[in-house]
Protein backbone atom coordinates (compact mmCIF):
# COMPACT_ATOMS: atom_id res chain seq x y z
CA UNK A 1 18.32 38.66 3.51
CA UNK A 2 14.78 38.97 2.04
CA UNK A 3 13.56 42.50 1.51
CA UNK A 4 10.82 44.07 3.64
CA UNK A 5 8.28 45.48 1.18
CA UNK A 6 4.96 47.27 1.27
CA UNK A 7 1.79 46.28 -0.54
CA UNK A 8 1.98 49.52 -2.48
CA UNK A 9 5.43 48.58 -3.80
CA UNK A 10 4.20 45.15 -4.86
CA UNK A 11 1.20 46.66 -6.68
CA UNK A 12 3.54 48.46 -9.09
CA UNK A 13 4.91 45.16 -10.42
CA UNK A 14 1.96 43.99 -12.47
CA UNK A 15 3.33 43.64 -16.02
CA UNK A 16 5.00 40.80 -17.89
CA UNK A 17 8.31 42.64 -17.58
CA UNK A 18 8.03 42.73 -13.80
CA UNK A 19 5.42 40.44 -12.27
CA UNK A 20 5.16 40.10 -8.49
CA UNK A 21 2.44 38.75 -6.22
CA UNK A 22 1.74 38.13 -2.55
CA UNK A 23 1.08 34.68 -1.03
CA UNK A 24 0.66 34.31 2.71
CA UNK A 25 2.29 37.69 3.45
CA UNK A 26 5.39 36.87 1.38
CA UNK A 27 6.35 38.47 -1.94
CA UNK A 28 7.15 36.34 -4.98
CA UNK A 29 8.82 37.53 -8.18
CA UNK A 30 7.22 35.50 -11.00
CA UNK A 31 8.73 37.42 -13.91
CA UNK A 32 11.09 34.67 -15.04
CA UNK A 33 8.69 31.90 -13.98
CA UNK A 34 5.80 32.91 -16.23
CA UNK A 35 6.81 30.77 -19.20
CA UNK A 36 7.63 27.77 -16.98
CA UNK A 37 4.35 27.86 -15.05
CA UNK A 38 2.55 24.52 -15.64
CA UNK A 39 -0.81 26.33 -15.65
CA UNK A 40 0.23 28.84 -18.30
CA UNK A 41 1.10 32.53 -18.19
CA UNK A 42 -2.45 33.90 -18.23
CA UNK A 43 -3.21 32.72 -14.70
CA UNK A 44 -0.15 34.51 -13.32
CA UNK A 45 -0.84 37.69 -15.27
CA UNK A 46 -4.25 37.87 -13.57
CA UNK A 47 -2.66 38.18 -10.12
CA UNK A 48 0.23 40.50 -10.98
CA UNK A 49 0.79 43.04 -8.20
CA UNK A 50 -1.98 41.51 -6.09
CA UNK A 51 -2.48 39.31 -3.05
CA UNK A 52 -2.94 35.87 -4.59
CA UNK A 53 -3.23 33.91 -1.34
CA UNK A 54 -6.86 32.84 -1.81
CA UNK A 55 -6.34 32.01 -5.49
CA UNK A 56 -3.19 30.00 -4.76
CA UNK A 57 -4.66 27.87 -2.00
CA UNK A 58 -7.79 27.36 -4.06
CA UNK A 59 -5.61 25.45 -6.52
CA UNK A 60 -2.47 24.18 -4.80
CA UNK A 61 -1.03 22.32 -1.84
CA UNK A 62 1.42 24.02 0.52
CA UNK A 63 4.22 21.80 -0.75
CA UNK A 64 4.10 23.61 -4.11
CA UNK A 65 4.95 26.86 -2.39
CA UNK A 66 7.74 25.19 -0.41
CA UNK A 67 9.18 23.78 -3.63
CA UNK A 68 9.59 27.20 -5.28
CA UNK A 69 10.09 29.46 -2.26
CA UNK A 70 13.88 29.63 -2.31
CA UNK A 71 13.82 30.32 -6.03
CA UNK A 72 11.00 32.89 -6.20
CA UNK A 73 10.43 34.51 -2.80
CA UNK A 74 12.10 37.94 -2.66
CA UNK A 75 10.73 39.41 0.55
CA UNK A 76 8.11 39.76 3.24
CA UNK A 77 5.45 42.40 3.83
CA UNK A 78 6.10 45.16 6.32
CA UNK A 79 4.35 44.50 9.63
CA UNK A 80 2.84 41.20 8.50
CA UNK A 81 3.57 37.59 9.42
CA UNK A 82 2.88 34.28 7.70
CA UNK A 83 -0.33 32.60 8.85
CA UNK A 84 0.16 29.15 7.34
CA UNK A 85 1.57 26.56 9.73
CA UNK A 86 4.42 24.58 8.21
CA UNK A 87 4.96 21.41 10.25
CA UNK A 88 8.44 20.10 10.93
CA UNK A 89 9.48 16.46 10.66
CA UNK A 90 7.79 14.50 13.43
CA UNK A 91 5.10 17.08 14.22
CA UNK A 92 1.51 16.11 14.91
CA UNK A 93 -1.19 17.56 12.68
CA UNK A 94 -3.36 20.31 14.18
CA UNK A 95 -6.27 19.50 11.84
CA UNK A 96 -9.25 18.08 13.78
CA UNK A 97 -9.61 14.29 13.44
CA UNK A 98 -6.26 14.04 11.61
CA UNK A 99 -4.70 12.07 14.46
CA UNK A 100 -5.95 9.16 16.60
CA UNK A 101 -7.79 10.34 19.67
CA UNK A 102 -4.97 9.40 22.05
CA UNK A 103 -2.62 11.85 20.30
CA UNK A 104 -4.95 14.84 20.41
CA UNK A 105 -4.67 17.57 23.05
CA UNK A 106 -7.00 17.24 26.04
CA UNK A 107 -7.93 13.58 25.34
CA UNK A 108 -6.91 10.54 27.37
CA UNK A 109 -6.65 6.80 26.71
CA UNK A 110 -6.28 3.83 29.08
CA UNK A 111 -4.16 1.96 26.55
CA UNK A 112 -1.15 4.14 25.88
CA UNK A 113 1.86 4.81 28.11
CA UNK A 114 4.80 7.16 27.82
CA UNK A 115 6.77 4.58 25.83
CA UNK A 116 4.03 4.55 23.20
CA UNK A 117 4.23 8.32 22.89
CA UNK A 118 8.02 8.28 22.62
CA UNK A 119 7.90 5.63 19.94
CA UNK A 120 5.21 7.47 18.00
CA UNK A 121 7.26 10.64 17.91
CA UNK A 122 10.44 8.81 16.95
CA UNK A 123 8.93 6.67 14.18
CA UNK A 124 7.05 9.65 12.73
CA UNK A 125 10.23 11.68 12.53
CA UNK A 126 12.05 8.70 10.99
CA UNK A 127 9.26 8.29 8.43
CA UNK A 128 9.16 12.00 7.55
CA UNK A 129 12.92 12.27 7.12
CA UNK A 130 13.87 8.93 5.58
CA UNK A 131 10.89 6.92 4.34
CA UNK A 132 8.59 9.49 2.74
CA UNK A 133 11.11 11.05 0.33
CA UNK A 134 12.12 7.65 -1.04
CA UNK A 135 8.54 6.37 -1.01
CA UNK A 136 7.37 9.22 -3.22
CA UNK A 137 10.29 8.76 -5.61
CA UNK A 138 9.84 4.99 -5.91
CA UNK A 139 6.07 5.30 -6.25
CA UNK A 140 6.62 7.51 -9.29
CA UNK A 141 9.33 5.51 -11.06
CA UNK A 142 8.26 2.03 -9.96
CA UNK A 143 11.71 0.90 -8.83
CA UNK A 144 12.30 -1.13 -5.70
CA UNK A 145 13.31 -0.01 -2.21
CA UNK A 146 16.96 0.99 -1.88
CA UNK A 147 19.45 -1.02 0.13
CA UNK A 148 20.37 2.24 1.83
CA UNK A 149 16.89 2.63 3.33
CA UNK A 150 16.75 -1.06 4.25
CA UNK A 151 20.05 -0.71 6.10
CA UNK A 152 18.81 2.42 7.86
CA UNK A 153 15.66 0.63 9.02
CA UNK A 154 17.67 -2.40 10.11
CA UNK A 155 20.13 -0.26 12.05
CA UNK A 156 17.33 1.54 13.90
CA UNK A 157 15.38 -1.62 14.70
CA UNK A 158 12.48 -0.69 12.42
CA UNK A 159 12.67 -3.97 10.49
CA UNK A 160 12.62 -5.95 13.73
CA UNK A 161 9.65 -3.99 15.10
CA UNK A 162 7.63 -4.86 11.98
CA UNK A 163 7.35 -8.44 13.28
CA UNK A 164 5.57 -7.40 16.46
CA UNK A 165 6.58 -8.20 20.06
CA UNK A 166 9.06 -10.95 20.84
CA UNK A 167 12.52 -11.95 21.97
CA UNK A 168 13.98 -10.80 18.66
CA UNK A 169 13.61 -7.24 20.01
CA UNK A 170 15.36 -7.85 23.32
CA UNK A 171 18.65 -6.01 23.55
CA UNK A 172 18.14 -4.06 20.31
CA UNK A 173 18.48 -0.28 20.15
CA UNK A 174 15.06 0.71 18.84
CA UNK A 175 15.12 4.21 17.33
CA UNK A 176 17.75 5.50 19.70
CA UNK A 177 16.08 4.09 22.80
CA UNK A 178 12.50 5.19 22.06
CA UNK A 179 11.24 1.94 23.56
CA UNK A 180 12.80 -1.03 25.35
CA UNK A 181 12.47 -4.21 23.28
CA UNK A 182 11.20 -6.13 26.32
CA UNK A 183 8.43 -3.54 26.75
CA UNK A 184 7.35 -3.56 23.10
CA UNK A 185 3.72 -4.71 22.77
CA UNK A 186 1.02 -4.82 20.08
CA UNK A 187 0.08 -1.20 20.68
CA UNK A 188 3.67 -0.27 19.86
CA UNK A 189 3.36 -2.59 16.86
CA UNK A 190 0.22 -0.76 15.71
CA UNK A 191 1.97 2.59 16.07
CA UNK A 192 4.89 1.52 13.87
CA UNK A 193 2.55 0.33 11.13
CA UNK A 194 0.35 3.41 11.25
CA UNK A 195 3.23 5.86 11.17
CA UNK A 196 5.05 4.16 8.28
CA UNK A 197 2.00 4.35 6.00
CA UNK A 198 1.92 8.12 6.36
CA UNK A 199 4.44 8.16 3.49
CA UNK A 200 1.26 8.08 1.33
CA UNK A 201 2.59 5.71 -1.32
CA UNK A 202 0.49 2.54 -1.41
CA UNK A 203 2.69 0.54 -3.78
CA UNK A 204 5.87 1.40 -1.92
CA UNK A 205 4.04 0.71 1.35
CA UNK A 206 3.95 -2.96 0.36
CA UNK A 207 7.35 -2.70 -1.28
CA UNK A 208 8.78 -1.57 2.04
CA UNK A 209 9.49 -5.10 3.26
CA UNK A 210 5.85 -6.08 3.73
CA UNK A 211 6.75 -9.56 2.49
CA UNK A 212 9.20 -9.90 5.34
CA UNK A 213 6.67 -8.75 7.90
CA UNK A 214 4.20 -11.50 6.95
CA UNK A 215 6.68 -14.33 6.38
CA UNK A 216 9.54 -14.03 8.87
CA UNK A 217 6.99 -14.09 11.68
CA UNK A 218 5.93 -17.59 10.51
CA UNK A 219 9.57 -18.69 10.35
CA UNK A 220 10.19 -17.43 13.89
CA UNK A 221 7.17 -19.27 15.25
CA UNK A 222 7.14 -22.51 13.29
CA UNK A 223 10.57 -23.38 11.81
CA UNK A 224 11.88 -26.29 13.91
CA UNK A 225 15.47 -26.13 12.67
CA UNK A 226 17.03 -23.83 15.32
CA UNK A 227 20.27 -23.13 13.43
CA UNK A 228 18.46 -22.27 10.20
CA UNK A 229 15.93 -20.15 12.06
CA UNK A 230 18.69 -18.15 13.73
CA UNK A 231 20.58 -17.74 10.45
CA UNK A 232 17.60 -16.58 8.41
CA UNK A 233 16.32 -14.25 11.13
CA UNK A 234 19.74 -12.62 11.48
CA UNK A 235 20.16 -12.25 7.70
CA UNK A 236 16.73 -10.70 7.18
CA UNK A 237 16.62 -8.39 10.19
CA UNK A 238 20.07 -7.06 9.31
CA UNK A 239 18.85 -6.26 5.81
CA UNK A 240 21.29 -8.65 4.12
CA UNK A 241 18.51 -10.89 2.77
CA UNK A 242 14.85 -10.34 1.87
CA UNK A 243 11.91 -12.67 1.99
CA UNK A 244 8.26 -13.03 1.05
CA UNK A 245 5.17 -15.14 1.69
CA UNK A 246 4.19 -17.26 -1.32
CA UNK A 247 0.76 -18.79 -0.76
CA UNK A 248 -1.65 -17.41 -3.37
CA UNK A 249 -1.90 -19.04 -6.80
CA UNK A 250 -3.85 -18.43 -9.96
CA UNK A 251 -5.82 -21.51 -8.88
CA UNK A 252 -6.39 -20.50 -5.25
CA UNK A 253 -6.54 -17.22 -3.35
CA UNK A 254 -8.58 -17.23 -0.16
CA UNK A 255 -9.16 -20.96 -0.79
CA UNK A 256 -5.79 -22.05 0.59
CA UNK A 257 -6.88 -25.70 0.50
CA UNK A 258 -7.12 -25.49 -3.28
CA UNK A 259 -3.41 -24.93 -3.89
CA UNK A 260 -1.78 -26.96 -6.67
CA UNK A 261 1.92 -26.38 -6.00
CA UNK A 262 3.32 -29.75 -4.92
CA UNK A 263 6.17 -30.85 -2.65
CA UNK A 264 7.11 -34.52 -3.14
CA UNK A 265 9.66 -36.23 -0.92
CA UNK A 266 12.71 -37.82 -2.49
CA UNK A 267 13.11 -41.59 -2.00
CA UNK A 268 15.75 -41.03 0.70
CA UNK A 269 13.36 -38.75 2.61
CA UNK A 270 15.91 -35.95 2.91
CA UNK A 271 14.43 -33.44 0.43
CA UNK A 272 11.23 -32.21 -1.14
CA UNK A 273 10.96 -31.55 -4.87
CA UNK A 274 8.70 -28.54 -5.39
CA UNK A 275 6.79 -27.79 -8.60
CA UNK A 276 4.13 -25.19 -9.25
CA UNK A 277 3.41 -21.48 -9.48
CA UNK A 278 2.48 -18.61 -7.17
CA UNK A 279 0.85 -15.35 -8.21
CA UNK A 280 0.59 -11.80 -6.84
CA UNK A 281 3.47 -12.40 -4.42
CA UNK A 282 4.43 -9.14 -2.70
CA UNK A 283 8.21 -8.52 -2.76
CA UNK A 284 8.65 -11.69 -4.83
CA UNK A 285 10.80 -9.89 -7.38
CA UNK A 286 13.60 -9.20 -4.93
CA UNK A 287 13.07 -11.94 -2.32
CA UNK A 288 15.91 -14.26 -1.34
CA UNK A 289 13.60 -16.58 0.61
CA UNK A 290 10.06 -17.76 -0.21
CA UNK A 291 7.82 -19.10 2.58
CA UNK A 292 5.79 -21.36 0.31
CA UNK A 293 2.54 -23.26 0.74
CA UNK A 294 2.56 -26.69 -0.96
CA UNK A 295 0.40 -29.79 -1.33
CA UNK A 296 2.08 -32.80 0.21
CA UNK A 297 1.07 -36.45 0.17
CA UNK A 298 -1.48 -36.26 2.97
CA UNK A 299 -2.30 -32.58 3.19
CA UNK A 300 -0.80 -29.10 3.07
CA UNK A 301 2.70 -28.11 4.20
CA UNK A 302 4.77 -24.91 4.38
CA UNK A 303 8.41 -24.75 3.33
CA UNK A 304 11.14 -22.13 3.57
CA UNK A 305 12.66 -22.10 0.07
CA UNK A 306 15.79 -20.08 -0.74
CA UNK A 307 16.03 -18.52 -4.19
CA UNK A 308 18.15 -20.74 -6.41
CA UNK A 309 18.08 -23.13 -9.32
CA UNK A 310 14.54 -23.80 -10.55
CA UNK A 311 12.97 -20.59 -9.20
CA UNK A 312 11.98 -17.86 -11.63
CA UNK A 313 10.15 -14.59 -10.89
CA UNK A 314 8.33 -12.30 -13.31
CA UNK A 315 6.94 -8.86 -12.50
CA UNK A 316 3.18 -8.39 -12.29
CA UNK A 317 1.79 -4.90 -12.87
CA UNK A 318 -1.24 -4.14 -10.73
CA UNK A 319 -3.26 -1.01 -9.94
CA UNK A 320 -0.57 0.33 -7.68
CA UNK A 321 3.11 1.01 -8.27
CA UNK A 322 5.53 -1.72 -9.30
CA UNK A 323 7.55 -0.55 -6.29
CA UNK A 324 5.68 -3.34 -4.46
CA UNK A 325 7.76 -5.86 -6.47
CA UNK A 326 4.69 -8.04 -7.07
CA UNK A 327 5.71 -11.30 -8.76
CA UNK A 328 4.61 -14.43 -10.53
CA UNK A 329 6.80 -17.19 -9.13
CA UNK A 330 7.58 -20.48 -10.88
CA UNK A 331 9.07 -23.51 -9.10
CA UNK A 332 10.49 -26.18 -11.38
CA UNK A 333 11.97 -29.23 -9.66
CA UNK A 334 13.26 -27.10 -6.79
CA UNK A 335 15.13 -29.22 -4.23
CA UNK A 336 14.41 -28.23 -0.60
CA UNK A 337 15.82 -29.92 2.55
CA UNK A 338 13.18 -31.43 4.84
CA UNK A 339 14.66 -29.32 7.65
CA UNK A 340 13.11 -26.29 5.95
CA UNK A 341 9.61 -27.46 6.93
CA UNK A 342 7.54 -25.06 9.06
CA UNK A 343 5.41 -26.81 11.65
CA UNK A 344 4.42 -30.42 11.04
CA UNK A 345 4.23 -32.12 7.66
CA UNK A 346 0.71 -32.13 6.19
CA UNK A 347 -0.43 -29.74 8.94
CA UNK A 348 0.62 -26.46 7.36
CA UNK A 349 -2.89 -25.06 7.47
CA UNK A 350 -2.46 -24.07 11.12
CA UNK A 351 0.85 -22.35 10.26
CA UNK A 352 -0.82 -20.12 7.68
CA UNK A 353 -4.04 -19.50 9.59
CA UNK A 354 -2.29 -18.47 12.82
CA UNK A 355 0.09 -16.25 10.87
CA UNK A 356 -2.86 -14.49 9.23
CA UNK A 357 -3.95 -12.83 12.50
CA UNK A 358 -0.94 -10.54 12.68
CA UNK A 359 -0.95 -9.87 8.93
CA UNK A 360 -4.59 -8.82 9.02
CA UNK A 361 -4.04 -6.75 12.15
CA UNK A 362 -1.27 -4.82 10.38
CA UNK A 363 -3.44 -4.35 7.28
CA UNK A 364 -6.26 -2.93 9.38
CA UNK A 365 -3.86 -0.56 11.13
CA UNK A 366 -2.61 0.64 7.75
CA UNK A 367 -5.94 1.15 6.01
CA UNK A 368 -7.47 2.90 9.03
CA UNK A 369 -4.48 5.28 9.27
CA UNK A 370 -4.75 6.00 5.55
CA UNK A 371 -8.49 6.62 5.95
CA UNK A 372 -7.64 9.14 8.65
CA UNK A 373 -5.20 10.84 6.28
CA UNK A 374 -7.97 11.08 3.67
CA UNK A 375 -10.22 12.72 6.26
CA UNK A 376 -7.43 15.21 6.99
CA UNK A 377 -6.95 15.96 3.28
CA UNK A 378 -10.70 16.54 2.84
CA UNK A 379 -10.94 18.81 5.88
CA UNK A 380 -8.02 20.91 4.61
CA UNK A 381 -9.50 21.14 1.13
CA UNK A 382 -12.96 22.05 2.39
CA UNK A 383 -11.45 24.82 4.48
CA UNK A 384 -9.56 26.38 1.56
CA UNK A 385 -11.66 25.64 -1.54
CA UNK A 386 -14.08 28.45 -2.48
CA UNK A 387 -17.19 27.45 -4.45
CA UNK A 388 -20.16 29.74 -5.16
CA UNK A 389 -18.51 32.36 -2.98
CA UNK A 390 -18.26 30.09 0.06
CA UNK A 391 -15.83 27.60 1.52
CA UNK A 392 -16.79 24.02 0.78
CA UNK A 393 -17.10 23.47 4.53
CA UNK A 394 -20.01 25.93 4.56
CA UNK A 395 -22.07 23.66 2.31
CA UNK A 396 -24.38 21.37 4.36
CA UNK A 397 -24.10 18.50 1.85
CA UNK A 398 -20.32 18.53 2.18
CA UNK A 399 -20.50 18.59 5.97
CA UNK A 400 -22.66 15.46 5.86
CA UNK A 401 -19.98 13.67 3.84
CA UNK A 402 -17.29 14.79 6.26
CA UNK A 403 -19.36 13.66 9.23
CA UNK A 404 -19.80 10.20 7.75
CA UNK A 405 -16.11 9.86 6.93
CA UNK A 406 -15.05 10.96 10.40
CA UNK A 407 -17.54 8.58 12.06
CA UNK A 408 -16.31 5.59 10.07
CA UNK A 409 -12.64 6.34 10.72
CA UNK A 410 -13.05 6.99 14.44
CA UNK A 411 -15.05 3.79 14.97
CA UNK A 412 -12.48 1.67 13.09
CA UNK A 413 -9.58 3.15 15.07
CA UNK A 414 -11.36 2.56 18.37
CA UNK A 415 -12.06 -1.09 17.49
CA UNK A 416 -8.48 -1.52 16.31
CA UNK A 417 -7.05 -0.20 19.58
CA UNK A 418 -9.35 -2.51 21.54
CA UNK A 419 -8.16 -5.53 19.55
CA UNK A 420 -4.53 -4.45 20.00
CA UNK A 421 -5.08 -4.31 23.77
CA UNK A 422 -6.54 -7.83 23.74
CA UNK A 423 -3.48 -9.04 21.79
CA UNK A 424 -1.24 -7.49 24.46
CA UNK A 425 -2.93 -9.70 27.04
CA UNK A 426 -3.06 -12.98 25.11
CA UNK A 427 -0.46 -15.55 24.19
CA UNK A 428 0.14 -16.45 20.55
CA UNK A 429 -2.00 -19.58 21.01
CA UNK A 430 -4.80 -17.61 22.68
CA UNK A 431 -4.79 -15.08 19.87
CA UNK A 432 -5.11 -17.90 17.35
CA UNK A 433 -8.01 -19.38 19.29
CA UNK A 434 -9.98 -16.25 20.10
CA UNK A 435 -9.08 -13.38 17.77
CA UNK A 436 -9.31 -14.84 14.27
CA UNK A 437 -13.00 -13.98 14.02
CA UNK A 438 -12.88 -10.49 15.55
CA UNK A 439 -9.84 -9.48 13.47
CA UNK A 440 -11.51 -10.86 10.35
CA UNK A 441 -14.67 -8.86 11.04
CA UNK A 442 -12.61 -5.74 11.79
CA UNK A 443 -10.67 -6.03 8.53
CA UNK A 444 -13.89 -6.50 6.56
CA UNK A 445 -15.46 -3.49 8.29
CA UNK A 446 -12.37 -1.31 7.86
CA UNK A 447 -12.10 -1.93 4.13
CA UNK A 448 -15.85 -1.45 3.60
CA UNK A 449 -15.44 1.83 5.45
CA UNK A 450 -12.46 2.71 3.26
CA UNK A 451 -14.58 2.18 0.16
CA UNK A 452 -17.18 4.66 1.39
CA UNK A 453 -14.52 7.12 2.54
CA UNK A 454 -12.78 6.92 -0.85
CA UNK A 455 -16.07 7.52 -2.64
CA UNK A 456 -16.97 10.59 -0.55
CA UNK A 457 -13.46 12.02 -0.90
CA UNK A 458 -13.59 11.81 -4.70
CA UNK A 459 -16.89 13.67 -4.75
CA UNK A 460 -15.45 16.35 -2.47
CA UNK A 461 -12.33 16.85 -4.60
CA UNK A 462 -14.02 16.45 -7.97
CA UNK A 463 -11.66 16.17 -10.92
CA UNK A 464 -8.65 16.75 -8.69
CA UNK A 465 -9.46 13.50 -6.90
CA UNK A 466 -8.94 11.68 -10.20
CA UNK A 467 -5.59 13.33 -10.90
CA UNK A 468 -2.29 11.78 -9.83
CA UNK A 469 -0.60 15.13 -9.19
CA UNK A 470 -1.58 18.30 -7.39
CA UNK A 471 -4.16 18.88 -4.66
CA UNK A 472 -5.94 15.55 -5.01
CA UNK A 473 -3.02 13.19 -5.51
CA UNK A 474 -3.42 11.48 -2.11
CA UNK A 475 -7.16 11.10 -2.74
CA UNK A 476 -6.55 9.60 -6.18
CA UNK A 477 -3.99 7.17 -4.80
CA UNK A 478 -6.31 5.99 -2.02
CA UNK A 479 -9.33 5.62 -4.31
CA UNK A 480 -7.23 3.57 -6.75
CA UNK A 481 -5.57 1.34 -4.16
CA UNK A 482 -7.77 0.87 -1.07
CA UNK A 483 -9.11 -2.32 -2.64
CA UNK A 484 -5.75 -4.03 -2.09
CA UNK A 485 -6.55 -4.14 1.61
CA UNK A 486 -9.97 -5.59 0.81
CA UNK A 487 -8.42 -8.47 -1.16
CA UNK A 488 -4.96 -9.24 0.26
CA UNK A 489 -4.84 -11.36 3.40
CA UNK A 490 -8.36 -12.67 2.79
CA UNK A 491 -11.28 -11.01 1.02
CA UNK A 492 -13.97 -9.06 2.83
CA UNK A 493 -16.58 -11.74 2.24
CA UNK A 494 -14.36 -14.59 3.43
CA UNK A 495 -13.36 -12.73 6.59
CA UNK A 496 -16.88 -11.57 7.43
CA UNK A 497 -18.06 -15.18 7.07
CA UNK A 498 -15.12 -16.37 9.21
CA UNK A 499 -16.12 -14.02 11.99
CA UNK A 500 -19.71 -15.25 12.06
CA UNK A 501 -18.78 -18.93 11.70
CA UNK A 502 -16.41 -18.70 14.66
CA UNK A 503 -19.12 -17.00 16.69
CA UNK A 504 -21.59 -19.74 15.82
CA UNK A 505 -19.14 -22.45 16.94
CA UNK A 506 -19.09 -20.89 20.40
CA UNK A 507 -22.83 -20.32 20.57
CA UNK A 508 -24.09 -21.62 23.95
CA UNK A 509 -26.48 -24.57 23.63
CA UNK A 510 -28.52 -23.25 26.54
CA UNK A 511 -29.60 -20.34 24.33
CA UNK A 512 -31.27 -22.63 21.76
């Protein structure tokens, strides 16, 4: 049992032989920790016998205290209680603007039902308990997602939910009954994406089966070989096999029509022979299947290619962690059955373009949720950081930055929820016809907003925002990696242009 101590008793322990301090009404014995303190012994000597709460929170995150509490905390102060709120797994944040409006007390939304709230609570708790610890570990060491976590996600229906609504969810037990698979819609889909990214590990975020999420959906919709479709879907959603989308090349990124990887039919017409390369392929290092874009005789086609003879993958190191398993893929005389064709031969462009809507929707959901987390981090920091004798939040210039960040994040989330609602009320074909432009514009706007939010957050955190550990580590990670969302799935410029071009196609002649 921890001792109950008085402030007078603590004050006596102010030497290197016996060094105590107070943080948030708890007493810590730092005597044996002095030499191990990363910041040196002098800093601790300055607070010996004193209340160091303000000094501590001016430098550290709460998680630092939680890390050392069992080791160093020896008691509590008589008649005093801790003031710092320590959230449990699954809890909502109490920081203003840290959660979407529909999750805040006293606010309502026409979009969300009880099943959305149940799912949000369940997936947040799952993320806090199972995803975040591994995400942080893998982000640091750069290794790939564990089979244990993949199995856990598969067993709880998380992998299946990543594909969005559909018959693949019917009859599955989704997070212990949080939502019925037949009821699952694009608002549920958005919730799953937004909660998973709260692990705050951008490389692992893509390493966490993102390749599957953007490729298996195309297989489900376009593969015309029923037996193969069923086999691959079962293998991947059970976690036995992994897959990725292999479209981008060194020769062609957003310009899908410029691809040089070829698929030539054999004389008997039963196989394609694939040759070429793909670059920056997320999850390519550990993928068992590659949904690959190829030039065919009269156009562009998409093939499902299993890993095998003739396929080689090499790791690509980018700005974020190698946990994403980003790969350079080489195809050398790879033999693929014609039954592995997605959609119609030479008409693969529609396969890729229609698949992009859901990919971009998920990317927007992720970057907007991360932007909201950055706002939360900045609000916390501004409330605890003392500069020139005042909290940062008392500086008008800082409040202007916070106001701008909040405004950008709230507007993006509102637009995202509106698009999600439209998706709930459109068929796959209708989404392809009507939402390509709006989703493209939303993604462009969200990533432009992220750039400004990242910039403001760095200025608020100063040097800490450039440091990969400590108070500003989430800020540093976001500032270093938000550009992935601006490039992957179509660049900002391409998508902004797409949105306007689609609008112009539907411009009424009577208005000329």
